[in-house]
Amino acid sequence: MRSPKSSRLLEQLGLGWDTPGLIAGVDEAGRGPLAGPVVAAAVILDERQPVRGLGDSKTISPRRRERLFDEIRAKALACCIAEASVEEIDRLNILQATLLAMRRAVGGLRLLPQRVLVDGNRLPLLAMPAAAIVRGDAKVPAISAASILAKVYRDRLCLAMDLAHPVYGFARHKGYPTADHLAALRAHGACPLHRSSYAPVRAVLLQAALARTAGDAE
């Protein structure tokens, strides 16, 4: 059953949902990077076990995010983290791949939510009613929790990516197009973890293809 606290939050958000039931929050991490999967998380919080200090994951220190990651997973009624791969990003585009990861995260919850609140202004195709909340990671605790799970999980993926391909510095920039990353991309070319549909990667791949063609012609 939905608590009075949840009902007040929905009223504040202007949502006229009056059917009782579990509410899941959903958010993603990794739309902007040039490499690696996009990650989404879905969380159903337990109001009897509140998690203190939730908020937009980008405003929380890495150490604090790590602690909250473990606390959320321990206290939530249900949570699920899902990915859409680099191949899916390049084939579908980043928006559709993000929505796919969100749909997988909701579908992976061990409890079925009756309603879903998603950060941003676009919604995945779901079997239950859902609402998009702009800046939801700063307004809705369940979305904040999902934001933290997705961010920490993806940062950990980037550490593994760094071990596999150390020349790019994934542990530092997490795949984002920093000056160091772009320089490494130009120096070493793209690796299988890079998103070929993104302009900086596409340009490097095109340059490499032209160089091979020129070499074959000699």
N, C-alpha and C. Protein backbone atom coordinates (compact mmCIF):
# COMPACT_ATOMS: atom_id res chain seq x y z
N MET A 1 0.84 -1.20 0.00
CA MET A 1 0.00 0.00 0.00
C MET A 1 0.87 1.24 0.00
N ARG A 2 0.40 2.29 -0.68
CA ARG A 2 1.18 3.52 -0.70
C ARG A 2 0.96 4.28 0.59
N SER A 3 2.04 4.84 1.13
CA SER A 3 1.97 5.56 2.40
C SER A 3 1.54 6.99 2.18
N PRO A 4 1.13 7.68 3.27
CA PRO A 4 0.82 9.11 3.15
C PRO A 4 2.00 9.92 2.61
N LYS A 5 3.22 9.52 2.97
CA LYS A 5 4.40 10.23 2.49
C LYS A 5 4.50 10.15 0.97
N SER A 6 4.29 8.96 0.41
CA SER A 6 4.32 8.80 -1.03
C SER A 6 3.20 9.59 -1.70
N SER A 7 2.04 9.58 -1.09
CA SER A 7 0.90 10.31 -1.65
C SER A 7 1.18 11.81 -1.70
N ARG A 8 1.83 12.34 -0.66
CA ARG A 8 2.17 13.77 -0.65
C ARG A 8 3.17 14.09 -1.74
N LEU A 9 4.14 13.20 -1.94
CA LEU A 9 5.13 13.43 -2.99
C LEU A 9 4.47 13.46 -4.36
N LEU A 10 3.56 12.53 -4.62
CA LEU A 10 2.88 12.49 -5.91
C LEU A 10 2.02 13.74 -6.11
N GLU A 11 1.40 14.22 -5.04
CA GLU A 11 0.62 15.46 -5.14
C GLU A 11 1.53 16.64 -5.48
N GLN A 12 2.70 16.70 -4.85
CA GLN A 12 3.65 17.78 -5.12
C GLN A 12 4.14 17.76 -6.56
N LEU A 13 4.24 16.55 -7.12
CA LEU A 13 4.69 16.42 -8.51
C LEU A 13 3.54 16.63 -9.50
N GLY A 14 2.34 16.82 -9.00
CA GLY A 14 1.20 17.05 -9.87
C GLY A 14 0.67 15.79 -10.53
N LEU A 15 0.92 14.63 -9.91
CA LEU A 15 0.46 13.36 -10.47
C LEU A 15 -0.80 12.93 -9.75
N GLY A 16 -1.85 12.68 -10.51
CA GLY A 16 -3.13 12.33 -9.91
C GLY A 16 -3.33 10.84 -9.76
N TRP A 17 -2.29 10.14 -9.41
CA TRP A 17 -2.41 8.69 -9.23
C TRP A 17 -3.03 8.39 -7.87
N ASP A 18 -4.17 7.73 -7.86
CA ASP A 18 -4.82 7.45 -6.59
C ASP A 18 -4.92 5.95 -6.30
N THR A 19 -4.34 5.13 -7.20
CA THR A 19 -4.35 3.68 -6.97
C THR A 19 -3.17 3.30 -6.09
N PRO A 20 -3.41 2.59 -4.99
CA PRO A 20 -2.30 2.21 -4.11
C PRO A 20 -1.38 1.20 -4.80
N GLY A 21 -0.13 1.18 -4.34
CA GLY A 21 0.81 0.20 -4.89
C GLY A 21 2.24 0.71 -4.84
N LEU A 22 3.15 -0.16 -5.19
CA LEU A 22 4.57 0.16 -5.15
C LEU A 22 4.96 1.10 -6.28
N ILE A 23 5.88 2.00 -5.99
CA ILE A 23 6.38 2.96 -6.97
C ILE A 23 7.88 2.76 -7.13
N ALA A 24 8.33 2.63 -8.37
CA ALA A 24 9.75 2.48 -8.66
C ALA A 24 10.30 3.77 -9.25
N GLY A 25 11.52 4.10 -8.89
CA GLY A 25 12.24 5.21 -9.50
C GLY A 25 13.28 4.66 -10.45
N VAL A 26 13.49 5.36 -11.57
CA VAL A 26 14.41 4.90 -12.61
C VAL A 26 15.30 6.05 -13.06
N ASP A 27 16.59 5.76 -13.25
CA ASP A 27 17.52 6.73 -13.81
C ASP A 27 18.62 6.00 -14.55
N GLU A 28 19.43 6.75 -15.29
CA GLU A 28 20.50 6.16 -16.10
C GLU A 28 21.82 6.86 -15.83
N ALA A 29 22.89 6.23 -16.31
CA ALA A 29 24.22 6.82 -16.30
C ALA A 29 24.95 6.41 -17.57
N GLY A 30 25.64 7.37 -18.17
CA GLY A 30 26.49 7.02 -19.30
C GLY A 30 25.96 7.34 -20.67
N ARG A 31 25.12 8.35 -20.81
CA ARG A 31 24.67 8.73 -22.15
C ARG A 31 25.75 9.50 -22.90
N GLY A 32 26.53 10.32 -22.20
CA GLY A 32 27.49 11.19 -22.86
C GLY A 32 28.83 10.59 -23.22
N PRO A 33 29.31 9.55 -22.54
CA PRO A 33 30.64 9.01 -22.84
C PRO A 33 30.78 8.48 -24.27
N LEU A 34 32.03 8.39 -24.70
CA LEU A 34 32.34 7.87 -26.03
C LEU A 34 32.51 6.36 -26.02
N ALA A 35 32.50 5.75 -24.84
CA ALA A 35 32.79 4.32 -24.75
C ALA A 35 31.99 3.68 -23.63
N GLY A 36 31.82 2.38 -23.75
CA GLY A 36 31.16 1.60 -22.72
C GLY A 36 29.65 1.61 -22.83
N PRO A 37 28.98 0.73 -22.10
CA PRO A 37 27.53 0.64 -22.16
C PRO A 37 26.86 1.81 -21.45
N VAL A 38 25.58 2.00 -21.73
CA VAL A 38 24.76 2.89 -20.93
C VAL A 38 24.06 2.02 -19.89
N VAL A 39 23.95 2.55 -18.67
CA VAL A 39 23.45 1.77 -17.53
C VAL A 39 22.20 2.43 -16.98
N ALA A 40 21.23 1.64 -16.61
CA ALA A 40 20.02 2.14 -15.94
C ALA A 40 19.76 1.34 -14.68
N ALA A 41 19.14 1.98 -13.71
CA ALA A 41 18.76 1.30 -12.48
C ALA A 41 17.30 1.62 -12.15
N ALA A 42 16.64 0.66 -11.51
CA ALA A 42 15.28 0.84 -11.01
C ALA A 42 15.28 0.46 -9.53
N VAL A 43 14.62 1.27 -8.72
CA VAL A 43 14.62 1.06 -7.26
C VAL A 43 13.22 1.26 -6.70
N ILE A 44 12.80 0.33 -5.85
CA ILE A 44 11.61 0.50 -5.02
C ILE A 44 12.10 0.63 -3.59
N LEU A 45 11.99 1.81 -3.02
CA LEU A 45 12.46 2.03 -1.66
C LEU A 45 11.48 1.50 -0.63
N ASP A 46 12.01 1.17 0.54
CA ASP A 46 11.20 0.76 1.68
C ASP A 46 11.12 1.95 2.64
N GLU A 47 9.94 2.57 2.74
CA GLU A 47 9.82 3.77 3.59
C GLU A 47 10.00 3.46 5.07
N ARG A 48 9.95 2.19 5.44
CA ARG A 48 10.21 1.82 6.83
C ARG A 48 11.71 1.77 7.13
N GLN A 49 12.52 1.77 6.06
CA GLN A 49 13.97 1.79 6.21
C GLN A 49 14.54 2.92 5.33
N PRO A 50 14.36 4.16 5.74
CA PRO A 50 14.79 5.28 4.89
C PRO A 50 16.31 5.32 4.73
N VAL A 51 16.72 5.77 3.54
CA VAL A 51 18.14 5.97 3.24
C VAL A 51 18.41 7.46 3.30
N ARG A 52 19.24 7.87 4.23
CA ARG A 52 19.52 9.29 4.42
C ARG A 52 20.55 9.78 3.41
N GLY A 53 20.40 11.04 3.01
CA GLY A 53 21.41 11.67 2.16
C GLY A 53 21.28 11.40 0.68
N LEU A 54 20.10 10.95 0.24
CA LEU A 54 19.90 10.73 -1.19
C LEU A 54 19.84 12.05 -1.94
N GLY A 55 20.23 12.01 -3.20
CA GLY A 55 20.19 13.20 -4.04
C GLY A 55 20.75 12.86 -5.41
N ASP A 56 20.87 13.86 -6.25
CA ASP A 56 21.46 13.69 -7.57
C ASP A 56 22.87 13.12 -7.41
N SER A 57 23.15 11.99 -8.04
CA SER A 57 24.44 11.32 -7.85
C SER A 57 25.61 12.21 -8.24
N LYS A 58 25.39 13.14 -9.17
CA LYS A 58 26.48 14.01 -9.63
C LYS A 58 26.90 15.01 -8.57
N THR A 59 26.04 15.25 -7.58
CA THR A 59 26.36 16.22 -6.53
C THR A 59 26.91 15.55 -5.27
N ILE A 60 27.07 14.24 -5.29
CA ILE A 60 27.53 13.48 -4.13
C ILE A 60 28.95 12.99 -4.39
N SER A 61 29.80 13.05 -3.39
CA SER A 61 31.19 12.64 -3.56
C SER A 61 31.28 11.15 -3.89
N PRO A 62 32.33 10.73 -4.61
CA PRO A 62 32.47 9.30 -4.95
C PRO A 62 32.45 8.39 -3.73
N ARG A 63 33.12 8.79 -2.66
CA ARG A 63 33.14 7.95 -1.46
C ARG A 63 31.75 7.80 -0.86
N ARG A 64 31.01 8.91 -0.81
CA ARG A 64 29.65 8.87 -0.27
C ARG A 64 28.74 8.04 -1.18
N ARG A 65 28.92 8.16 -2.49
CA ARG A 65 28.12 7.35 -3.42
C ARG A 65 28.34 5.86 -3.19
N GLU A 66 29.59 5.48 -2.95
CA GLU A 66 29.89 4.07 -2.71
C GLU A 66 29.16 3.56 -1.47
N ARG A 67 29.16 4.36 -0.41
CA ARG A 67 28.47 3.96 0.81
C ARG A 67 26.96 3.86 0.58
N LEU A 68 26.42 4.85 -0.13
CA LEU A 68 24.98 4.83 -0.40
C LEU A 68 24.60 3.65 -1.31
N PHE A 69 25.48 3.30 -2.24
CA PHE A 69 25.23 2.16 -3.13
C PHE A 69 24.94 0.91 -2.30
N ASP A 70 25.79 0.64 -1.34
CA ASP A 70 25.61 -0.55 -0.50
C ASP A 70 24.36 -0.43 0.38
N GLU A 71 24.10 0.78 0.91
CA GLU A 71 22.95 0.96 1.78
C GLU A 71 21.64 0.81 1.01
N ILE A 72 21.60 1.37 -0.19
CA ILE A 72 20.39 1.25 -1.01
C ILE A 72 20.10 -0.21 -1.32
N ARG A 73 21.12 -0.94 -1.72
CA ARG A 73 20.92 -2.34 -2.07
C ARG A 73 20.49 -3.17 -0.86
N ALA A 74 20.95 -2.77 0.33
CA ALA A 74 20.60 -3.50 1.54
C ALA A 74 19.18 -3.20 2.02
N LYS A 75 18.72 -1.95 1.82
CA LYS A 75 17.45 -1.52 2.39
C LYS A 75 16.27 -1.50 1.41
N ALA A 76 16.52 -1.40 0.14
CA ALA A 76 15.43 -1.28 -0.83
C ALA A 76 14.57 -2.54 -0.85
N LEU A 77 13.28 -2.36 -1.11
CA LEU A 77 12.41 -3.51 -1.30
C LEU A 77 12.82 -4.30 -2.53
N ALA A 78 13.26 -3.59 -3.57
CA ALA A 78 13.72 -4.24 -4.80
C ALA A 78 14.57 -3.24 -5.57
N CYS A 79 15.57 -3.75 -6.26
CA CYS A 79 16.36 -2.91 -7.15
C CYS A 79 16.97 -3.77 -8.25
N CYS A 80 17.23 -3.15 -9.37
CA CYS A 80 17.81 -3.87 -10.50
C CYS A 80 18.65 -2.90 -11.32
N ILE A 81 19.82 -3.35 -11.74
CA ILE A 81 20.70 -2.56 -12.61
C ILE A 81 20.82 -3.30 -13.93
N ALA A 82 20.67 -2.56 -15.03
CA ALA A 82 20.71 -3.18 -16.36
C ALA A 82 21.53 -2.32 -17.31
N GLU A 83 21.91 -2.91 -18.43
CA GLU A 83 22.75 -2.22 -19.41
C GLU A 83 22.13 -2.30 -20.80
N ALA A 84 22.57 -1.38 -21.67
CA ALA A 84 22.46 -1.55 -23.11
C ALA A 84 23.88 -1.45 -23.64
N SER A 85 24.26 -2.37 -24.48
CA SER A 85 25.65 -2.52 -24.90
C SER A 85 26.08 -1.46 -25.90
N VAL A 86 27.38 -1.40 -26.14
CA VAL A 86 27.92 -0.49 -27.16
C VAL A 86 27.29 -0.81 -28.52
N GLU A 87 27.18 -2.10 -28.83
CA GLU A 87 26.58 -2.49 -30.11
C GLU A 87 25.15 -2.00 -30.22
N GLU A 88 24.39 -2.09 -29.13
CA GLU A 88 23.00 -1.62 -29.14
C GLU A 88 22.93 -0.10 -29.25
N ILE A 89 23.85 0.60 -28.61
CA ILE A 89 23.91 2.06 -28.73
C ILE A 89 24.15 2.46 -30.18
N ASP A 90 25.11 1.80 -30.83
CA ASP A 90 25.44 2.15 -32.22
C ASP A 90 24.32 1.76 -33.18
N ARG A 91 23.61 0.70 -32.87
CA ARG A 91 22.56 0.23 -33.77
C ARG A 91 21.26 1.00 -33.58
N LEU A 92 20.92 1.31 -32.34
CA LEU A 92 19.61 1.91 -32.05
C LEU A 92 19.65 3.42 -31.92
N ASN A 93 20.74 3.99 -31.52
CA ASN A 93 21.04 5.36 -31.09
C ASN A 93 20.98 5.42 -29.57
N ILE A 94 21.61 6.41 -28.98
CA ILE A 94 21.78 6.44 -27.53
C ILE A 94 20.45 6.61 -26.80
N LEU A 95 19.51 7.38 -27.35
CA LEU A 95 18.23 7.54 -26.68
C LEU A 95 17.50 6.21 -26.58
N GLN A 96 17.38 5.51 -27.70
CA GLN A 96 16.64 4.25 -27.69
C GLN A 96 17.36 3.19 -26.85
N ALA A 97 18.69 3.20 -26.86
CA ALA A 97 19.44 2.26 -26.04
C ALA A 97 19.24 2.56 -24.56
N THR A 98 19.17 3.84 -24.20
CA THR A 98 18.91 4.22 -22.81
C THR A 98 17.53 3.76 -22.37
N LEU A 99 16.53 3.97 -23.20
CA LEU A 99 15.18 3.52 -22.88
C LEU A 99 15.12 2.00 -22.76
N LEU A 100 15.90 1.30 -23.59
CA LEU A 100 15.97 -0.16 -23.52
C LEU A 100 16.56 -0.60 -22.18
N ALA A 101 17.65 0.05 -21.75
CA ALA A 101 18.26 -0.28 -20.46
C ALA A 101 17.28 -0.01 -19.31
N MET A 102 16.54 1.07 -19.40
CA MET A 102 15.54 1.37 -18.37
C MET A 102 14.46 0.29 -18.33
N ARG A 103 14.00 -0.12 -19.50
CA ARG A 103 12.97 -1.16 -19.55
C ARG A 103 13.49 -2.47 -18.96
N ARG A 104 14.74 -2.78 -19.23
CA ARG A 104 15.34 -3.99 -18.65
C ARG A 104 15.44 -3.88 -17.13
N ALA A 105 15.79 -2.69 -16.64
CA ALA A 105 15.91 -2.51 -15.19
C ALA A 105 14.57 -2.70 -14.49
N VAL A 106 13.52 -2.10 -15.03
CA VAL A 106 12.18 -2.27 -14.44
C VAL A 106 11.74 -3.73 -14.53
N GLY A 107 12.00 -4.34 -15.68
CA GLY A 107 11.60 -5.73 -15.86
C GLY A 107 12.35 -6.70 -14.97
N GLY A 108 13.52 -6.28 -14.48
CA GLY A 108 14.32 -7.15 -13.63
C GLY A 108 14.02 -7.03 -12.15
N LEU A 109 13.10 -6.14 -11.77
CA LEU A 109 12.75 -6.00 -10.36
C LEU A 109 12.05 -7.27 -9.86
N ARG A 110 12.38 -7.69 -8.65
CA ARG A 110 11.75 -8.90 -8.10
C ARG A 110 10.32 -8.65 -7.65
N LEU A 111 9.97 -7.38 -7.45
CA LEU A 111 8.60 -6.98 -7.15
C LEU A 111 8.08 -6.13 -8.29
N LEU A 112 6.83 -6.32 -8.66
CA LEU A 112 6.25 -5.56 -9.77
C LEU A 112 5.71 -4.23 -9.26
N PRO A 113 6.25 -3.11 -9.73
CA PRO A 113 5.70 -1.82 -9.30
C PRO A 113 4.39 -1.53 -10.03
N GLN A 114 3.52 -0.78 -9.35
CA GLN A 114 2.28 -0.37 -9.99
C GLN A 114 2.45 0.93 -10.78
N ARG A 115 3.45 1.72 -10.41
CA ARG A 115 3.75 2.98 -11.07
C ARG A 115 5.26 3.15 -11.14
N VAL A 116 5.73 3.90 -12.17
CA VAL A 116 7.16 4.13 -12.34
C VAL A 116 7.40 5.62 -12.57
N LEU A 117 8.39 6.16 -11.88
CA LEU A 117 8.81 7.55 -12.07
C LEU A 117 10.21 7.53 -12.68
N VAL A 118 10.38 8.22 -13.80
CA VAL A 118 11.62 8.18 -14.56
C VAL A 118 12.23 9.57 -14.62
N ASP A 119 13.53 9.66 -14.39
CA ASP A 119 14.21 10.94 -14.49
C ASP A 119 14.25 11.41 -15.94
N GLY A 120 14.03 12.70 -16.17
CA GLY A 120 14.14 13.25 -17.52
C GLY A 120 12.80 13.58 -18.13
N ASN A 121 12.78 13.56 -19.47
CA ASN A 121 11.54 13.92 -20.17
C ASN A 121 11.10 12.88 -21.20
N ARG A 122 11.72 11.70 -21.16
CA ARG A 122 11.32 10.63 -22.07
C ARG A 122 11.07 9.35 -21.27
N LEU A 123 10.12 8.57 -21.75
CA LEU A 123 9.73 7.35 -21.04
C LEU A 123 10.00 6.10 -21.86
N PRO A 124 10.49 5.04 -21.22
CA PRO A 124 10.55 3.75 -21.91
C PRO A 124 9.15 3.16 -22.03
N LEU A 125 9.01 2.21 -22.91
CA LEU A 125 7.74 1.51 -23.06
C LEU A 125 7.63 0.49 -21.94
N LEU A 126 6.64 0.69 -21.06
CA LEU A 126 6.49 -0.17 -19.88
C LEU A 126 5.08 -0.74 -19.81
N ALA A 127 4.93 -1.78 -19.01
CA ALA A 127 3.63 -2.44 -18.87
C ALA A 127 2.73 -1.75 -17.86
N MET A 128 3.28 -0.77 -17.12
CA MET A 128 2.51 -0.07 -16.10
C MET A 128 2.58 1.43 -16.34
N PRO A 129 1.67 2.21 -15.76
CA PRO A 129 1.72 3.66 -15.93
C PRO A 129 3.05 4.24 -15.44
N ALA A 130 3.53 5.26 -16.14
CA ALA A 130 4.81 5.88 -15.78
C ALA A 130 4.73 7.37 -16.04
N ALA A 131 5.59 8.12 -15.37
CA ALA A 131 5.68 9.57 -15.57
C ALA A 131 7.15 9.96 -15.62
N ALA A 132 7.46 10.90 -16.52
CA ALA A 132 8.81 11.45 -16.62
C ALA A 132 8.89 12.70 -15.74
N ILE A 133 9.92 12.78 -14.91
CA ILE A 133 10.09 13.88 -13.99
C ILE A 133 11.42 14.58 -14.29
N VAL A 134 11.35 15.79 -14.83
CA VAL A 134 12.57 16.54 -15.10
C VAL A 134 13.25 16.88 -13.78
N ARG A 135 14.54 16.63 -13.72
CA ARG A 135 15.33 16.79 -12.48
C ARG A 135 14.78 15.91 -11.36
N GLY A 136 14.25 14.76 -11.76
CA GLY A 136 13.68 13.85 -10.79
C GLY A 136 14.69 13.32 -9.80
N ASP A 137 15.98 13.24 -10.21
CA ASP A 137 16.99 12.73 -9.28
C ASP A 137 17.21 13.65 -8.10
N ALA A 138 16.75 14.90 -8.20
CA ALA A 138 16.84 15.83 -7.08
C ALA A 138 15.51 15.98 -6.33
N LYS A 139 14.44 15.38 -6.86
CA LYS A 139 13.10 15.57 -6.30
C LYS A 139 12.50 14.31 -5.69
N VAL A 140 12.84 13.16 -6.25
CA VAL A 140 12.18 11.90 -5.89
C VAL A 140 13.21 10.95 -5.31
N PRO A 141 13.08 10.57 -4.05
CA PRO A 141 14.10 9.70 -3.43
C PRO A 141 14.38 8.42 -4.21
N ALA A 142 13.35 7.77 -4.74
CA ALA A 142 13.58 6.52 -5.46
C ALA A 142 14.39 6.75 -6.74
N ILE A 143 14.16 7.88 -7.40
CA ILE A 143 14.95 8.20 -8.59
C ILE A 143 16.39 8.54 -8.17
N SER A 144 16.53 9.26 -7.06
CA SER A 144 17.88 9.56 -6.56
C SER A 144 18.64 8.27 -6.29
N ALA A 145 17.97 7.32 -5.66
CA ALA A 145 18.61 6.03 -5.37
C ALA A 145 19.01 5.32 -6.66
N ALA A 146 18.13 5.35 -7.66
CA ALA A 146 18.46 4.74 -8.94
C ALA A 146 19.64 5.44 -9.60
N SER A 147 19.68 6.76 -9.49
CA SER A 147 20.80 7.54 -10.03
C SER A 147 22.12 7.10 -9.43
N ILE A 148 22.13 6.88 -8.13
CA ILE A 148 23.36 6.47 -7.43
C ILE A 148 23.77 5.06 -7.84
N LEU A 149 22.82 4.14 -7.89
CA LEU A 149 23.15 2.77 -8.31
C LEU A 149 23.73 2.74 -9.71
N ALA A 150 23.10 3.46 -10.64
CA ALA A 150 23.57 3.45 -12.02
C ALA A 150 24.96 4.08 -12.13
N LYS A 151 25.17 5.19 -11.43
CA LYS A 151 26.45 5.89 -11.51
C LYS A 151 27.59 5.05 -10.94
N VAL A 152 27.40 4.49 -9.75
CA VAL A 152 28.47 3.70 -9.13
C VAL A 152 28.76 2.45 -9.95
N TYR A 153 27.71 1.79 -10.41
CA TYR A 153 27.90 0.58 -11.20
C TYR A 153 28.69 0.89 -12.47
N ARG A 154 28.33 1.98 -13.14
CA ARG A 154 29.05 2.30 -14.38
C ARG A 154 30.48 2.73 -14.11
N ASP A 155 30.70 3.47 -13.04
CA ASP A 155 32.08 3.85 -12.69
C ASP A 155 32.94 2.61 -12.45
N ARG A 156 32.35 1.59 -11.82
CA ARG A 156 33.09 0.35 -11.60
C ARG A 156 33.36 -0.36 -12.92
N LEU A 157 32.42 -0.31 -13.85
CA LEU A 157 32.67 -0.86 -15.18
C LEU A 157 33.86 -0.17 -15.85
N CYS A 158 33.95 1.14 -15.65
CA CYS A 158 35.03 1.89 -16.28
C CYS A 158 36.39 1.50 -15.71
N LEU A 159 36.44 1.10 -14.45
CA LEU A 159 37.70 0.60 -13.89
C LEU A 159 38.12 -0.69 -14.59
N ALA A 160 37.15 -1.56 -14.86
CA ALA A 160 37.45 -2.79 -15.60
C ALA A 160 37.84 -2.47 -17.04
N MET A 161 37.19 -1.50 -17.65
CA MET A 161 37.56 -1.07 -19.00
C MET A 161 38.99 -0.55 -19.03
N ASP A 162 39.37 0.15 -17.98
CA ASP A 162 40.72 0.70 -17.90
C ASP A 162 41.77 -0.41 -17.82
N LEU A 163 41.46 -1.46 -17.08
CA LEU A 163 42.39 -2.59 -16.98
C LEU A 163 42.56 -3.27 -18.34
N ALA A 164 41.47 -3.36 -19.10
CA ALA A 164 41.53 -4.03 -20.40
C ALA A 164 42.19 -3.17 -21.46
N HIS A 165 42.03 -1.84 -21.36
CA HIS A 165 42.56 -0.92 -22.37
C HIS A 165 43.17 0.30 -21.66
N PRO A 166 44.31 0.13 -21.01
CA PRO A 166 44.86 1.19 -20.15
C PRO A 166 45.30 2.46 -20.88
N VAL A 167 45.54 2.39 -22.17
CA VAL A 167 46.06 3.58 -22.89
C VAL A 167 45.05 4.71 -22.95
N TYR A 168 43.77 4.42 -22.73
CA TYR A 168 42.75 5.46 -22.89
C TYR A 168 42.44 6.21 -21.60
N GLY A 169 42.78 5.67 -20.45
CA GLY A 169 42.50 6.36 -19.19
C GLY A 169 41.06 6.33 -18.75
N PHE A 170 40.35 5.24 -19.03
CA PHE A 170 38.93 5.15 -18.68
C PHE A 170 38.68 5.34 -17.18
N ALA A 171 39.62 4.94 -16.34
CA ALA A 171 39.42 5.09 -14.90
C ALA A 171 39.34 6.55 -14.49
N ARG A 172 39.99 7.42 -15.25
CA ARG A 172 39.99 8.85 -14.92
C ARG A 172 38.76 9.57 -15.46
N HIS A 173 38.50 9.42 -16.74
CA HIS A 173 37.44 10.23 -17.36
C HIS A 173 36.14 9.48 -17.58
N LYS A 174 36.12 8.18 -17.26
CA LYS A 174 34.89 7.37 -17.35
C LYS A 174 34.30 7.34 -18.76
N GLY A 175 35.17 7.56 -19.77
CA GLY A 175 34.71 7.49 -21.15
C GLY A 175 34.25 8.81 -21.73
N TYR A 176 34.15 9.86 -20.92
CA TYR A 176 33.70 11.15 -21.42
C TYR A 176 34.75 11.77 -22.35
N PRO A 177 34.36 12.65 -23.25
CA PRO A 177 35.28 13.21 -24.25
C PRO A 177 36.17 14.32 -23.69
N THR A 178 36.99 13.99 -22.70
CA THR A 178 37.95 14.95 -22.17
C THR A 178 39.08 15.14 -23.17
N ALA A 179 39.90 16.16 -22.96
CA ALA A 179 41.05 16.40 -23.84
C ALA A 179 41.98 15.19 -23.84
N ASP A 180 42.23 14.60 -22.67
CA ASP A 180 43.10 13.44 -22.58
C ASP A 180 42.53 12.25 -23.36
N HIS A 181 41.23 12.03 -23.23
CA HIS A 181 40.61 10.91 -23.94
C HIS A 181 40.68 11.12 -25.45
N LEU A 182 40.37 12.32 -25.89
CA LEU A 182 40.41 12.59 -27.33
C LEU A 182 41.82 12.44 -27.88
N ALA A 183 42.81 12.87 -27.11
CA ALA A 183 44.20 12.73 -27.54
C ALA A 183 44.59 11.25 -27.64
N ALA A 184 44.17 10.46 -26.66
CA ALA A 184 44.45 9.02 -26.69
C ALA A 184 43.74 8.35 -27.85
N LEU A 185 42.54 8.79 -28.13
CA LEU A 185 41.77 8.23 -29.24
C LEU A 185 42.48 8.50 -30.57
N ARG A 186 42.99 9.73 -30.72
CA ARG A 186 43.71 10.05 -31.96
C ARG A 186 45.03 9.29 -32.05
N ALA A 187 45.69 9.10 -30.92
CA ALA A 187 47.00 8.44 -30.92
C ALA A 187 46.90 6.93 -31.13
N HIS A 188 45.87 6.31 -30.55
CA HIS A 188 45.80 4.85 -30.54
C HIS A 188 44.64 4.29 -31.35
N GLY A 189 43.80 5.15 -31.89
CA GLY A 189 42.63 4.67 -32.58
C GLY A 189 41.56 4.21 -31.61
N ALA A 190 40.46 3.72 -32.14
CA ALA A 190 39.35 3.26 -31.30
C ALA A 190 39.52 1.80 -30.93
N CYS A 191 39.00 1.44 -29.76
CA CYS A 191 39.00 0.04 -29.32
C CYS A 191 37.56 -0.48 -29.40
N PRO A 192 37.34 -1.77 -29.20
CA PRO A 192 35.97 -2.31 -29.32
C PRO A 192 34.98 -1.72 -28.32
N LEU A 193 35.46 -1.07 -27.27
CA LEU A 193 34.57 -0.46 -26.29
C LEU A 193 34.05 0.90 -26.72
N HIS A 194 34.64 1.49 -27.75
CA HIS A 194 34.22 2.82 -28.20
C HIS A 194 32.93 2.74 -29.02
N ARG A 195 32.12 3.78 -28.91
CA ARG A 195 30.85 3.88 -29.62
C ARG A 195 31.10 4.49 -30.99
N SER A 196 31.05 3.66 -32.01
CA SER A 196 31.42 4.11 -33.37
C SER A 196 30.44 5.12 -33.94
N SER A 197 29.24 5.23 -33.37
CA SER A 197 28.25 6.19 -33.87
C SER A 197 28.48 7.60 -33.33
N TYR A 198 29.38 7.77 -32.37
CA TYR A 198 29.67 9.09 -31.81
C TYR A 198 30.72 9.78 -32.67
N ALA A 199 30.52 11.07 -32.92
CA ALA A 199 31.31 11.79 -33.92
C ALA A 199 32.83 11.68 -33.72
N PRO A 200 33.39 11.89 -32.52
CA PRO A 200 34.85 11.80 -32.39
C PRO A 200 35.39 10.41 -32.71
N VAL A 201 34.64 9.37 -32.34
CA VAL A 201 35.07 8.00 -32.64
C VAL A 201 34.90 7.74 -34.13
N ARG A 202 33.80 8.17 -34.69
CA ARG A 202 33.55 7.97 -36.12
C ARG A 202 34.64 8.64 -36.95
N ALA A 203 35.07 9.83 -36.53
CA ALA A 203 36.12 10.54 -37.27
C ALA A 203 37.43 9.77 -37.24
N VAL A 204 37.79 9.21 -36.09
CA VAL A 204 39.03 8.43 -35.97
C VAL A 204 38.95 7.16 -36.81
N LEU A 205 37.79 6.50 -36.78
CA LEU A 205 37.62 5.29 -37.58
C LEU A 205 37.69 5.60 -39.08
N LEU A 206 37.12 6.73 -39.49
CA LEU A 206 37.17 7.13 -40.90
C LEU A 206 38.61 7.42 -41.32
N GLN A 207 39.33 8.12 -40.45
CA GLN A 207 40.73 8.45 -40.75
C GLN A 207 41.55 7.17 -40.90
N ALA A 208 41.32 6.20 -40.02
CA ALA A 208 42.05 4.94 -40.11
C ALA A 208 41.70 4.19 -41.40
N ALA A 209 40.42 4.23 -41.78
CA ALA A 209 40.00 3.55 -43.01
C ALA A 209 40.63 4.20 -44.23
N LEU A 210 40.70 5.54 -44.24
CA LEU A 210 41.32 6.25 -45.35
C LEU A 210 42.82 5.94 -45.44
N ALA A 211 43.45 5.84 -44.27
CA ALA A 211 44.87 5.52 -44.26
C ALA A 211 45.12 4.12 -44.81
N ARG A 212 44.25 3.17 -44.47
CA ARG A 212 44.40 1.81 -44.99
C ARG A 212 44.19 1.78 -46.49
N THR A 213 43.21 2.56 -46.96
CA THR A 213 42.93 2.60 -48.39
C THR A 213 44.11 3.17 -49.15
N ALA A 214 44.68 4.24 -48.60
CA ALA A 214 45.85 4.87 -49.23
C ALA A 214 47.03 3.90 -49.26
N GLY A 215 47.20 3.12 -48.16
CA GLY A 215 48.28 2.16 -48.10
C GLY A 215 48.11 1.04 -49.11
N ASP A 216 46.88 0.60 -49.28
CA ASP A 216 46.60 -0.46 -50.25
C ASP A 216 46.85 0.00 -51.69
N ALA A 217 46.64 1.31 -51.93
CA ALA A 217 46.78 1.84 -53.27
C ALA A 217 48.25 2.02 -53.69
N GLU A 218 49.14 2.08 -52.72
CA GLU A 218 50.56 2.29 -53.04
C GLU A 218 51.21 1.03 -53.60
